[in-house]
């Protein structure tokens, strides 16, 4: 109907075992990324986190089963976003920076940090996939958990440096 727009927003909270964002037919042929790409506009995923966060038995504690499932899902779906071609995903905003313990569940546990002094493994995972710098300890934690390999981390870092150099 003649509506003009600059970018398309989308938010999604996939579980570890959710269908791929590249093929989930619930969204239409080719999955949500193909559907978003069909608009020909940049895409901002304006809320992204793991679906497990909404589960009643989500522990929000590293090492616990549901939290580790969340981390595996984040790793899987974020790698797909980085490697996919159907949509120009310009930005992914992970919701949110800090937990908010004053809120009721599940709204109290979306953070990349428990509080300013206690980052979650989610933070180093997102940082590494985005090609940011992670410490040797964070790298070891990500590889020990099987979330990323050293090669994954190095490739993301190299890709980010190449993009920055091209600008």
Protein backbone atom coordinates (compact mmCIF):
# COMPACT_ATOMS: atom_id res chain seq x y z
CA UNK A 1 0.00 0.00 0.00
CA UNK A 2 2.92 2.32 -0.66
CA UNK A 3 4.43 2.23 2.83
CA UNK A 4 8.12 3.18 2.77
CA UNK A 5 10.61 2.01 5.38
CA UNK A 6 14.36 1.94 5.90
CA UNK A 7 14.86 -1.37 7.69
CA UNK A 8 12.91 -4.33 8.90
CA UNK A 9 12.88 -5.28 12.58
CA UNK A 10 12.44 -8.81 13.86
CA UNK A 11 12.78 -10.45 17.22
CA UNK A 12 13.15 -14.13 17.92
CA UNK A 13 13.94 -16.40 20.86
CA UNK A 14 14.80 -19.79 19.35
CA UNK A 15 15.38 -22.84 21.54
CA UNK A 16 18.42 -25.05 21.01
CA UNK A 17 16.29 -27.59 19.16
CA UNK A 18 14.17 -25.09 17.21
CA UNK A 19 14.24 -25.42 13.46
CA UNK A 20 16.85 -23.36 11.68
CA UNK A 21 16.18 -19.71 10.94
CA UNK A 22 17.19 -20.68 7.41
CA UNK A 23 14.47 -23.29 6.93
CA UNK A 24 11.68 -23.05 9.51
CA UNK A 25 8.66 -23.34 7.23
CA UNK A 26 6.30 -21.90 9.84
CA UNK A 27 7.49 -18.47 8.61
CA UNK A 28 7.04 -19.37 4.95
CA UNK A 29 9.28 -20.75 2.20
CA UNK A 30 12.97 -20.57 3.13
CA UNK A 31 12.28 -19.72 6.75
CA UNK A 32 12.30 -16.32 8.42
CA UNK A 33 15.58 -15.12 6.93
CA UNK A 34 14.40 -15.71 3.37
CA UNK A 35 11.11 -14.00 4.16
CA UNK A 36 12.92 -11.01 5.68
CA UNK A 37 15.40 -10.91 2.79
CA UNK A 38 12.54 -10.74 0.29
CA UNK A 39 11.81 -7.18 1.42
CA UNK A 40 15.23 -6.06 0.16
CA UNK A 41 15.83 -3.96 3.28
CA UNK A 42 18.46 -4.28 6.02
CA UNK A 43 17.26 -6.38 8.95
CA UNK A 44 17.74 -5.49 12.61
CA UNK A 45 17.05 -8.37 14.93
CA UNK A 46 15.99 -6.10 17.74
CA UNK A 47 15.55 -8.81 20.37
CA UNK A 48 17.47 -12.04 20.37
CA UNK A 49 18.12 -14.55 23.10
CA UNK A 50 17.54 -18.22 23.71
CA UNK A 51 14.02 -19.58 24.01
CA UNK A 52 14.96 -21.61 27.09
CA UNK A 53 14.94 -18.37 29.09
CA UNK A 54 11.14 -18.51 29.00
CA UNK A 55 10.98 -22.08 30.37
CA UNK A 56 9.76 -22.39 33.96
CA UNK A 57 12.71 -24.64 34.85
CA UNK A 58 15.42 -22.32 33.44
CA UNK A 59 18.07 -22.14 36.16
CA UNK A 60 20.09 -19.09 34.99
CA UNK A 61 23.17 -20.82 36.40
CA UNK A 62 26.16 -21.80 34.28
CA UNK A 63 26.65 -25.56 34.27
CA UNK A 64 22.98 -26.36 34.82
CA UNK A 65 21.19 -28.33 32.10
CA UNK A 66 18.71 -25.74 30.83
CA UNK A 67 21.25 -22.91 30.95
CA UNK A 68 23.74 -24.99 28.96
CA UNK A 69 21.00 -25.81 26.44
CA UNK A 70 20.41 -22.07 26.13
CA UNK A 71 24.12 -21.49 25.43
CA UNK A 72 24.21 -24.25 22.80
CA UNK A 73 21.15 -22.74 21.14
CA UNK A 74 22.64 -19.26 21.15
CA UNK A 75 25.83 -20.60 19.59
CA UNK A 76 23.95 -22.50 16.91
CA UNK A 77 21.53 -19.76 15.91
CA UNK A 78 24.06 -16.91 16.08
CA UNK A 79 26.47 -18.87 13.84
CA UNK A 80 23.60 -19.33 11.39
CA UNK A 81 22.93 -15.59 11.41
CA UNK A 82 26.56 -14.78 10.71
CA UNK A 83 26.91 -17.34 7.92
CA UNK A 84 23.55 -16.93 6.17
CA UNK A 85 23.01 -15.09 2.89
CA UNK A 86 19.24 -14.66 2.29
CA UNK A 87 18.89 -11.50 4.41
CA UNK A 88 21.15 -8.52 5.02
CA UNK A 89 21.24 -8.76 8.82
CA UNK A 90 22.75 -5.43 9.76
CA UNK A 91 22.41 -5.77 13.54
CA UNK A 92 21.54 -8.29 16.23
CA UNK A 93 20.61 -6.88 19.61
CA UNK A 94 20.89 -9.47 22.35
CA UNK A 95 18.24 -8.77 24.95
CA UNK A 96 19.49 -7.57 27.44
CA UNK A 97 22.64 -6.37 29.19
CA UNK A 98 21.78 -7.05 32.86
CA UNK A 99 19.45 -9.40 34.70
CA UNK A 100 16.70 -7.57 36.55
CA UNK A 101 16.14 -9.58 39.75
CA UNK A 102 13.44 -7.17 40.93
CA UNK A 103 11.18 -8.41 38.10
CA UNK A 104 9.17 -11.62 38.07
CA UNK A 105 10.23 -14.65 36.01
CA UNK A 106 11.06 -14.84 33.22
CA UNK A 107 11.73 -11.10 32.81
CA UNK A 108 14.35 -11.21 35.57
CA UNK A 109 16.93 -13.35 33.75
CA UNK A 110 17.54 -12.11 30.20
CA UNK A 111 20.89 -10.44 30.88
CA UNK A 112 24.37 -11.08 29.58
CA UNK A 113 25.43 -10.22 33.16
CA UNK A 114 23.93 -11.25 36.48
CA UNK A 115 25.23 -7.88 37.69
CA UNK A 116 28.18 -5.61 36.84
CA UNK A 117 30.66 -7.90 38.62
CA UNK A 118 29.30 -11.22 37.31
CA UNK A 119 29.21 -11.71 33.56
CA UNK A 120 27.52 -14.84 32.26
CA UNK A 121 29.12 -17.17 29.70
CA UNK A 122 26.50 -15.76 27.32
CA UNK A 123 28.56 -12.53 27.12
CA UNK A 124 31.80 -14.19 26.03
CA UNK A 125 29.88 -16.40 23.58
CA UNK A 126 28.20 -13.44 21.88
CA UNK A 127 31.47 -11.48 21.92
CA UNK A 128 33.41 -14.33 20.29
CA UNK A 129 30.81 -14.96 17.58
CA UNK A 130 30.75 -11.22 16.80
CA UNK A 131 34.53 -11.33 16.41
CA UNK A 132 35.33 -9.39 19.54
CA UNK A 133 38.26 -10.05 21.83
CA UNK A 134 37.84 -12.74 24.47
CA UNK A 135 40.36 -13.54 27.17
CA UNK A 136 42.27 -16.84 27.23
CA UNK A 137 40.05 -17.95 30.13
CA UNK A 138 36.85 -17.09 28.23
CA UNK A 139 38.15 -18.86 25.12
CA UNK A 140 38.96 -21.97 27.15
CA UNK A 141 35.50 -21.89 28.74
CA UNK A 142 33.76 -21.64 25.34
CA UNK A 143 35.78 -24.48 23.83
CA UNK A 144 35.49 -26.67 26.95
CA UNK A 145 31.71 -26.34 26.78
CA UNK A 146 31.81 -27.28 23.09
CA UNK A 147 30.11 -24.03 22.10
CA UNK A 148 32.87 -22.89 19.74
CA UNK A 149 36.21 -24.20 18.58
CA UNK A 150 39.44 -22.24 18.58
CA UNK A 151 39.07 -22.09 14.78
CA UNK A 152 35.54 -20.63 15.12
CA UNK A 153 36.82 -17.90 17.42
CA UNK A 154 39.84 -17.12 15.22
CA UNK A 155 37.73 -17.04 12.05
CA UNK A 156 35.21 -14.64 13.62
CA UNK A 157 38.02 -12.37 14.80
CA UNK A 158 39.64 -12.38 11.34
CA UNK A 159 36.30 -11.69 9.63
CA UNK A 160 35.63 -8.73 11.91
CA UNK A 161 39.08 -7.26 11.31
CA UNK A 162 38.63 -7.64 7.54
CA UNK A 163 35.26 -5.87 7.63
CA UNK A 164 36.72 -3.06 9.76
CA UNK A 165 39.71 -2.67 7.39
CA UNK A 166 37.39 -2.49 4.38
CA UNK A 167 35.53 0.47 5.89
